[in-house]
């Protein structure tokens, strides 16, 4: 029996001070920086990066197509609006994880009046972003965490 040789891809490091800002695949008020992506590593079916949302900001409505999205609140507090007219809302605080299903229209925002929101976000198979125009968005009260 012959031993099968496995060809491995090379591991790589994307330095924190060299995170590429992705001009494409952006949503207003959600600035995405790619750490591990097919555009800067040998990975084929994963996007992993940081997303920044300033105090008082919320993204425009969007979804991530077929991509499953996992998020971790590294700093601050977040909200995620979804459902009819984006009237449903859930909150996540530092240390919390969040899952966003494929094709689900949503708005993500900073639920802090004093601290920038930083997410660690992973998406599979890639950073698919579909920005939605002319959406009917309800005016709802945000429960700011500070």
N, C-alpha and C. Protein backbone atom coordinates (compact mmCIF):
# COMPACT_ATOMS: atom_id res chain seq x y z
N UNK A 1 0.84 -1.17 0.00
CA UNK A 1 0.00 0.00 0.00
C UNK A 1 0.89 1.25 0.00
N UNK A 2 0.65 2.13 -0.95
CA UNK A 2 1.45 3.35 -1.03
C UNK A 2 0.84 4.44 -0.16
N UNK A 3 1.74 5.17 0.45
CA UNK A 3 1.29 6.26 1.30
C UNK A 3 0.93 7.46 0.42
N UNK A 4 -0.22 8.03 0.67
CA UNK A 4 -0.67 9.19 -0.10
C UNK A 4 -0.07 10.46 0.49
N UNK A 5 0.52 11.26 -0.36
CA UNK A 5 1.14 12.51 0.10
C UNK A 5 0.11 13.64 -0.02
N UNK A 6 -0.04 14.39 1.03
CA UNK A 6 -0.99 15.50 1.06
C UNK A 6 -0.22 16.79 0.81
N UNK A 7 -0.71 17.57 -0.14
CA UNK A 7 -0.13 18.88 -0.41
C UNK A 7 -0.89 19.92 0.42
N UNK A 8 -0.19 20.58 1.29
CA UNK A 8 -0.79 21.59 2.15
C UNK A 8 -0.59 22.98 1.57
N UNK A 9 -1.56 23.83 1.80
CA UNK A 9 -1.37 25.25 1.50
C UNK A 9 -0.49 25.82 2.60
N UNK A 10 0.11 26.95 2.33
CA UNK A 10 0.97 27.58 3.32
C UNK A 10 0.13 28.43 4.28
N UNK A 11 0.39 28.31 5.57
CA UNK A 11 -0.25 29.24 6.50
C UNK A 11 0.27 30.65 6.24
N UNK A 12 -0.49 31.64 6.64
CA UNK A 12 -0.06 33.01 6.43
C UNK A 12 -0.57 33.89 7.56
N UNK A 13 0.03 35.05 7.67
CA UNK A 13 -0.36 36.04 8.68
C UNK A 13 -0.65 37.35 7.95
N UNK A 14 -1.77 37.95 8.28
CA UNK A 14 -2.07 39.30 7.82
C UNK A 14 -1.88 40.19 9.04
N UNK A 15 -0.88 41.05 9.01
CA UNK A 15 -0.54 41.89 10.15
C UNK A 15 -1.65 42.90 10.42
N UNK A 16 -1.90 43.16 11.69
CA UNK A 16 -2.97 44.08 12.11
C UNK A 16 -2.84 45.44 11.45
N UNK A 17 -1.61 45.94 11.32
CA UNK A 17 -1.43 47.26 10.73
C UNK A 17 -1.47 47.25 9.20
N UNK A 18 -1.73 46.06 8.63
CA UNK A 18 -1.79 45.95 7.16
C UNK A 18 -3.12 45.37 6.68
N UNK A 19 -4.14 45.40 7.54
CA UNK A 19 -5.44 44.87 7.13
C UNK A 19 -5.94 45.65 5.92
N UNK A 20 -6.22 44.95 4.84
CA UNK A 20 -6.69 45.68 3.65
C UNK A 20 -8.15 46.09 3.80
N UNK A 21 -8.41 47.36 3.57
CA UNK A 21 -9.78 47.86 3.53
C UNK A 21 -10.37 47.43 2.20
N UNK A 22 -11.50 46.79 2.23
CA UNK A 22 -12.10 46.26 1.01
C UNK A 22 -13.00 47.32 0.38
N UNK A 23 -12.58 47.89 -0.72
CA UNK A 23 -13.39 48.90 -1.40
C UNK A 23 -14.71 48.33 -1.89
N UNK A 24 -14.67 47.11 -2.41
CA UNK A 24 -15.89 46.45 -2.85
C UNK A 24 -16.56 45.78 -1.65
N UNK A 25 -17.74 45.31 -1.83
CA UNK A 25 -18.46 44.57 -0.78
C UNK A 25 -18.61 45.39 0.50
N UNK A 26 -18.94 46.66 0.37
CA UNK A 26 -19.10 47.52 1.53
C UNK A 26 -20.56 47.93 1.69
N UNK A 27 -20.90 48.27 2.91
CA UNK A 27 -22.21 48.82 3.23
C UNK A 27 -21.96 50.09 4.02
N UNK A 28 -22.72 51.12 3.73
CA UNK A 28 -22.57 52.38 4.44
C UNK A 28 -22.62 52.15 5.95
N UNK A 29 -21.71 52.76 6.68
CA UNK A 29 -21.62 52.72 8.13
C UNK A 29 -21.17 51.37 8.69
N UNK A 30 -20.68 50.46 7.85
CA UNK A 30 -20.11 49.20 8.32
C UNK A 30 -18.82 48.99 7.53
N UNK A 31 -17.73 49.49 8.09
CA UNK A 31 -16.44 49.45 7.38
C UNK A 31 -15.77 48.11 7.64
N UNK A 32 -15.60 47.32 6.57
CA UNK A 32 -15.08 45.96 6.69
C UNK A 32 -13.61 45.92 6.29
N UNK A 33 -12.79 45.31 7.16
CA UNK A 33 -11.37 45.12 6.89
C UNK A 33 -11.10 43.61 6.85
N UNK A 34 -10.50 43.14 5.79
CA UNK A 34 -10.31 41.71 5.57
C UNK A 34 -9.03 41.22 6.23
N UNK A 35 -9.15 40.16 7.04
CA UNK A 35 -7.97 39.53 7.62
C UNK A 35 -7.62 38.25 6.88
N UNK A 36 -8.61 37.39 6.68
CA UNK A 36 -8.43 36.15 5.94
C UNK A 36 -9.49 36.11 4.86
N UNK A 37 -9.06 36.12 3.62
CA UNK A 37 -9.96 36.17 2.48
C UNK A 37 -9.25 35.60 1.26
N UNK A 38 -9.98 35.11 0.28
CA UNK A 38 -9.32 34.64 -0.94
C UNK A 38 -8.50 35.72 -1.64
N UNK A 39 -8.76 36.99 -1.33
CA UNK A 39 -8.01 38.07 -1.96
C UNK A 39 -6.63 38.31 -1.35
N UNK A 40 -6.41 37.81 -0.10
CA UNK A 40 -5.10 38.06 0.51
C UNK A 40 -4.45 36.83 1.15
N UNK A 41 -5.08 35.65 1.02
CA UNK A 41 -4.49 34.41 1.52
C UNK A 41 -4.84 33.28 0.56
N UNK A 42 -4.42 32.09 0.90
CA UNK A 42 -4.74 30.93 0.06
C UNK A 42 -6.08 30.29 0.42
N UNK A 43 -6.84 30.87 1.34
CA UNK A 43 -8.15 30.33 1.70
C UNK A 43 -9.08 30.38 0.47
N UNK A 44 -9.98 29.43 0.37
CA UNK A 44 -10.88 29.39 -0.79
C UNK A 44 -12.32 29.74 -0.45
N UNK A 45 -12.79 29.40 0.74
CA UNK A 45 -14.22 29.52 1.03
C UNK A 45 -14.48 30.13 2.41
N UNK A 46 -13.80 31.23 2.70
CA UNK A 46 -13.97 31.85 4.01
C UNK A 46 -13.59 33.32 3.92
N UNK A 47 -14.32 34.15 4.63
CA UNK A 47 -13.94 35.54 4.85
C UNK A 47 -13.96 35.76 6.35
N UNK A 48 -12.89 36.37 6.88
CA UNK A 48 -12.79 36.64 8.30
C UNK A 48 -12.15 38.01 8.46
N UNK A 49 -12.83 38.89 9.14
CA UNK A 49 -12.29 40.24 9.26
C UNK A 49 -12.88 41.00 10.43
N UNK A 50 -12.57 42.30 10.44
CA UNK A 50 -13.08 43.22 11.46
C UNK A 50 -14.04 44.19 10.79
N UNK A 51 -15.10 44.50 11.51
CA UNK A 51 -16.08 45.47 11.02
C UNK A 51 -16.22 46.55 12.09
N UNK A 52 -16.10 47.81 11.66
CA UNK A 52 -16.16 48.96 12.57
C UNK A 52 -17.42 49.77 12.30
N UNK A 53 -18.12 50.15 13.38
CA UNK A 53 -19.28 51.03 13.28
C UNK A 53 -19.15 52.10 14.36
N UNK A 54 -19.10 53.34 13.95
CA UNK A 54 -18.89 54.45 14.87
C UNK A 54 -20.11 54.68 15.77
N UNK A 55 -19.90 55.44 16.82
CA UNK A 55 -20.97 55.83 17.75
C UNK A 55 -22.11 56.47 16.95
N UNK A 56 -23.33 56.02 17.22
CA UNK A 56 -24.51 56.60 16.58
C UNK A 56 -24.77 56.13 15.16
N UNK A 57 -23.97 55.20 14.65
CA UNK A 57 -24.15 54.75 13.27
C UNK A 57 -24.87 53.41 13.19
N UNK A 58 -25.54 53.21 12.07
CA UNK A 58 -26.16 51.93 11.72
C UNK A 58 -25.98 51.75 10.22
N UNK A 59 -25.84 50.51 9.81
CA UNK A 59 -25.63 50.22 8.39
C UNK A 59 -26.91 50.46 7.60
N UNK A 60 -26.75 50.54 6.31
CA UNK A 60 -27.90 50.51 5.41
C UNK A 60 -28.42 49.08 5.38
N UNK A 61 -29.67 48.87 4.96
CA UNK A 61 -30.18 47.51 4.83
C UNK A 61 -29.35 46.71 3.81
N UNK A 62 -29.08 45.45 4.14
CA UNK A 62 -28.32 44.59 3.25
C UNK A 62 -28.52 43.13 3.66
N UNK A 63 -28.02 42.22 2.85
CA UNK A 63 -27.94 40.80 3.23
C UNK A 63 -26.67 40.23 2.64
N UNK A 64 -26.39 38.97 2.96
CA UNK A 64 -25.13 38.35 2.56
C UNK A 64 -25.33 37.16 1.64
N UNK A 65 -26.39 37.20 0.83
CA UNK A 65 -26.60 36.15 -0.16
C UNK A 65 -26.56 34.78 0.47
N UNK A 66 -25.84 33.85 -0.15
CA UNK A 66 -25.78 32.46 0.34
C UNK A 66 -24.86 32.31 1.55
N UNK A 67 -24.15 33.36 1.93
CA UNK A 67 -23.16 33.26 3.00
C UNK A 67 -23.81 33.16 4.37
N UNK A 68 -23.30 32.25 5.18
CA UNK A 68 -23.62 32.21 6.59
C UNK A 68 -22.64 33.15 7.29
N UNK A 69 -23.14 33.91 8.26
CA UNK A 69 -22.30 34.90 8.92
C UNK A 69 -22.29 34.67 10.42
N UNK A 70 -21.10 34.67 10.99
CA UNK A 70 -20.92 34.62 12.43
C UNK A 70 -20.21 35.87 12.87
N UNK A 71 -20.68 36.47 13.96
CA UNK A 71 -20.04 37.67 14.47
C UNK A 71 -19.74 37.54 15.95
N UNK A 72 -18.70 38.23 16.38
CA UNK A 72 -18.30 38.28 17.77
C UNK A 72 -18.07 39.75 18.11
N UNK A 73 -18.73 40.23 19.17
CA UNK A 73 -18.57 41.63 19.56
C UNK A 73 -17.28 41.74 20.37
N UNK A 74 -16.28 42.31 19.73
CA UNK A 74 -14.97 42.49 20.36
C UNK A 74 -14.99 43.71 21.29
N UNK A 75 -15.69 44.77 20.85
CA UNK A 75 -15.76 46.01 21.64
C UNK A 75 -17.11 46.66 21.43
N UNK A 76 -17.71 47.11 22.51
CA UNK A 76 -18.95 47.86 22.41
C UNK A 76 -20.19 47.01 22.50
N UNK A 77 -21.28 47.57 22.00
CA UNK A 77 -22.58 46.91 21.98
C UNK A 77 -23.19 47.08 20.60
N UNK A 78 -23.91 46.05 20.17
CA UNK A 78 -24.45 46.04 18.82
C UNK A 78 -25.95 45.75 18.84
N UNK A 79 -26.61 46.16 17.76
CA UNK A 79 -27.98 45.70 17.54
C UNK A 79 -28.08 45.20 16.11
N UNK A 80 -29.02 44.30 15.92
CA UNK A 80 -29.31 43.76 14.59
C UNK A 80 -30.82 43.86 14.39
N UNK A 81 -31.21 44.61 13.36
CA UNK A 81 -32.62 44.77 13.03
C UNK A 81 -32.94 43.87 11.83
N UNK A 82 -34.12 43.27 11.84
CA UNK A 82 -34.51 42.36 10.78
C UNK A 82 -36.03 42.25 10.78
N UNK A 83 -36.58 41.41 9.93
CA UNK A 83 -38.03 41.22 9.87
C UNK A 83 -38.71 42.29 9.04
N UNK A 84 -40.04 42.26 9.06
CA UNK A 84 -40.82 43.21 8.29
C UNK A 84 -40.49 44.63 8.73
N UNK A 85 -40.13 45.46 7.77
CA UNK A 85 -39.74 46.86 8.01
C UNK A 85 -38.59 46.98 9.02
N UNK A 86 -37.88 45.89 9.23
CA UNK A 86 -36.74 45.87 10.14
C UNK A 86 -37.17 46.26 11.56
N UNK A 87 -38.37 45.80 11.95
CA UNK A 87 -38.94 46.16 13.25
C UNK A 87 -38.47 45.26 14.39
N UNK A 88 -37.99 44.05 14.07
CA UNK A 88 -37.48 43.17 15.12
C UNK A 88 -36.03 43.55 15.40
N UNK A 89 -35.63 43.39 16.66
CA UNK A 89 -34.27 43.80 17.03
C UNK A 89 -33.72 42.86 18.09
N UNK A 90 -32.44 42.52 17.95
CA UNK A 90 -31.72 41.79 18.99
C UNK A 90 -30.46 42.57 19.32
N UNK A 91 -29.94 42.36 20.53
CA UNK A 91 -28.76 43.08 20.99
C UNK A 91 -27.64 42.09 21.33
N UNK A 92 -26.42 42.54 21.17
CA UNK A 92 -25.24 41.76 21.54
C UNK A 92 -24.23 42.71 22.18
N UNK A 93 -23.62 42.26 23.24
CA UNK A 93 -22.65 43.06 23.96
C UNK A 93 -21.27 42.42 23.88
N UNK A 94 -20.25 43.13 24.36
CA UNK A 94 -18.88 42.62 24.32
C UNK A 94 -18.84 41.18 24.79
N UNK A 95 -18.20 40.32 23.98
CA UNK A 95 -18.07 38.91 24.31
C UNK A 95 -19.17 38.04 23.74
N UNK A 96 -20.24 38.63 23.22
CA UNK A 96 -21.35 37.85 22.66
C UNK A 96 -21.08 37.47 21.20
N UNK A 97 -21.64 36.35 20.80
CA UNK A 97 -21.60 35.88 19.42
C UNK A 97 -22.97 36.06 18.80
N UNK A 98 -23.02 36.23 17.49
CA UNK A 98 -24.29 36.38 16.79
C UNK A 98 -24.21 35.62 15.47
N UNK A 99 -25.32 35.05 15.06
CA UNK A 99 -25.41 34.35 13.77
C UNK A 99 -26.43 35.07 12.91
N UNK A 100 -26.08 35.31 11.65
CA UNK A 100 -26.99 35.91 10.69
C UNK A 100 -27.18 34.90 9.55
N UNK A 101 -28.40 34.41 9.35
CA UNK A 101 -28.64 33.41 8.32
C UNK A 101 -28.47 33.97 6.90
N UNK A 102 -28.22 33.09 5.94
CA UNK A 102 -28.11 33.52 4.55
C UNK A 102 -29.38 34.25 4.09
N UNK A 103 -29.21 35.20 3.20
CA UNK A 103 -30.29 35.93 2.53
C UNK A 103 -31.18 36.76 3.46
N UNK A 104 -30.85 36.89 4.74
CA UNK A 104 -31.71 37.61 5.67
C UNK A 104 -31.41 39.11 5.61
N UNK A 105 -32.34 39.94 5.11
CA UNK A 105 -32.13 41.38 5.13
C UNK A 105 -32.01 41.87 6.57
N UNK A 106 -31.04 42.74 6.82
CA UNK A 106 -30.84 43.24 8.17
C UNK A 106 -30.12 44.59 8.14
N UNK A 107 -30.15 45.22 9.30
CA UNK A 107 -29.42 46.45 9.56
C UNK A 107 -28.64 46.19 10.83
N UNK A 108 -27.35 46.48 10.81
CA UNK A 108 -26.56 46.33 12.03
C UNK A 108 -26.14 47.70 12.51
N UNK A 109 -26.07 47.87 13.82
CA UNK A 109 -25.75 49.20 14.33
C UNK A 109 -25.05 49.17 15.66
N UNK A 110 -24.55 50.32 16.03
CA UNK A 110 -23.85 50.51 17.29
C UNK A 110 -24.88 50.88 18.36
N UNK A 111 -24.96 50.06 19.41
CA UNK A 111 -25.91 50.31 20.50
C UNK A 111 -25.24 51.03 21.67
N UNK A 112 -24.15 51.73 21.39
CA UNK A 112 -23.46 52.52 22.41
C UNK A 112 -23.43 53.98 21.96
N UNK A 113 -23.59 54.87 22.91
CA UNK A 113 -23.48 56.30 22.62
C UNK A 113 -22.07 56.83 22.88
N UNK A 114 -21.17 55.94 23.38
CA UNK A 114 -19.84 56.41 23.76
C UNK A 114 -18.68 55.60 23.18
N UNK A 115 -18.93 54.38 22.70
CA UNK A 115 -17.84 53.50 22.30
C UNK A 115 -18.04 52.97 20.89
N UNK A 116 -16.97 53.01 20.09
CA UNK A 116 -17.03 52.43 18.75
C UNK A 116 -17.32 50.94 18.84
N UNK A 117 -18.12 50.43 17.92
CA UNK A 117 -18.43 49.01 17.84
C UNK A 117 -17.41 48.34 16.93
N UNK A 118 -16.80 47.26 17.42
CA UNK A 118 -15.89 46.46 16.61
C UNK A 118 -16.35 45.00 16.67
N UNK A 119 -16.66 44.45 15.51
CA UNK A 119 -17.04 43.05 15.36
C UNK A 119 -15.85 42.28 14.79
N UNK A 120 -15.69 41.04 15.19
CA UNK A 120 -14.92 40.07 14.42
C UNK A 120 -15.98 39.28 13.67
N UNK A 121 -15.86 39.22 12.37
CA UNK A 121 -16.91 38.61 11.55
C UNK A 121 -16.31 37.56 10.63
N UNK A 122 -16.99 36.44 10.52
CA UNK A 122 -16.59 35.41 9.58
C UNK A 122 -17.77 35.06 8.70
N UNK A 123 -17.44 34.81 7.45
CA UNK A 123 -18.49 34.53 6.47
C UNK A 123 -18.01 33.40 5.58
N UNK A 124 -18.91 32.50 5.26
CA UNK A 124 -18.58 31.40 4.39
C UNK A 124 -19.66 31.29 3.33
N UNK A 125 -19.35 31.34 2.05
CA UNK A 125 -18.06 31.05 1.43
C UNK A 125 -17.19 32.28 1.19
N UNK A 126 -17.67 33.49 1.32
CA UNK A 126 -16.87 34.69 1.09
C UNK A 126 -17.66 35.88 1.60
N UNK A 127 -17.10 37.07 1.47
CA UNK A 127 -17.75 38.30 1.94
C UNK A 127 -18.76 38.78 0.91
N UNK A 128 -19.87 38.08 0.82
CA UNK A 128 -20.94 38.46 -0.11
C UNK A 128 -21.76 39.55 0.56
N UNK A 129 -21.96 40.66 -0.13
CA UNK A 129 -22.74 41.77 0.40
C UNK A 129 -23.69 42.25 -0.69
N UNK A 130 -24.98 42.23 -0.38
CA UNK A 130 -25.99 42.73 -1.30
C UNK A 130 -26.68 43.90 -0.60
N UNK A 131 -26.35 45.12 -1.03
CA UNK A 131 -26.97 46.31 -0.45
C UNK A 131 -28.36 46.47 -1.03
N UNK A 132 -29.33 46.79 -0.16
CA UNK A 132 -30.74 46.90 -0.55
C UNK A 132 -31.14 48.36 -0.60
N UNK A 133 -31.67 48.79 -1.70
CA UNK A 133 -32.08 50.19 -1.88
C UNK A 133 -33.59 50.32 -1.66
N UNK A 134 -34.02 51.54 -1.34
CA UNK A 134 -35.44 51.88 -1.24
C UNK A 134 -36.23 50.94 -0.34
N UNK A 135 -35.69 50.66 0.84
CA UNK A 135 -36.36 49.80 1.80
C UNK A 135 -37.24 50.63 2.73
N UNK A 136 -38.38 50.09 3.11
CA UNK A 136 -39.26 50.73 4.08
C UNK A 136 -38.78 50.34 5.47
N UNK A 137 -38.10 51.26 6.14
CA UNK A 137 -37.51 50.99 7.44
C UNK A 137 -38.31 51.72 8.51
N UNK A 138 -38.85 50.96 9.46
CA UNK A 138 -39.63 51.53 10.54
C UNK A 138 -38.76 52.41 11.44
N UNK A 139 -39.35 53.40 12.04
CA UNK A 139 -38.68 54.25 13.02
C UNK A 139 -38.92 53.61 14.38
N UNK A 140 -37.91 52.93 14.91
CA UNK A 140 -38.07 52.27 16.21
C UNK A 140 -37.06 52.82 17.19
N UNK A 141 -37.34 52.62 18.47
CA UNK A 141 -36.47 53.10 19.54
C UNK A 141 -35.34 52.09 19.74
N UNK A 142 -34.11 52.59 19.77
CA UNK A 142 -32.94 51.76 20.05
C UNK A 142 -32.62 51.85 21.55
N UNK A 143 -32.41 50.69 22.18
CA UNK A 143 -32.07 50.63 23.59
C UNK A 143 -30.55 50.77 23.71
N UNK A 144 -30.06 52.01 23.81
CA UNK A 144 -28.63 52.23 23.93
C UNK A 144 -28.15 51.70 25.26
N UNK A 145 -26.98 51.03 25.25
CA UNK A 145 -26.48 50.28 26.39
C UNK A 145 -25.70 51.13 27.38
N UNK A 146 -25.52 52.42 27.13
CA UNK A 146 -24.79 53.26 28.09
C UNK A 146 -25.38 54.64 28.16
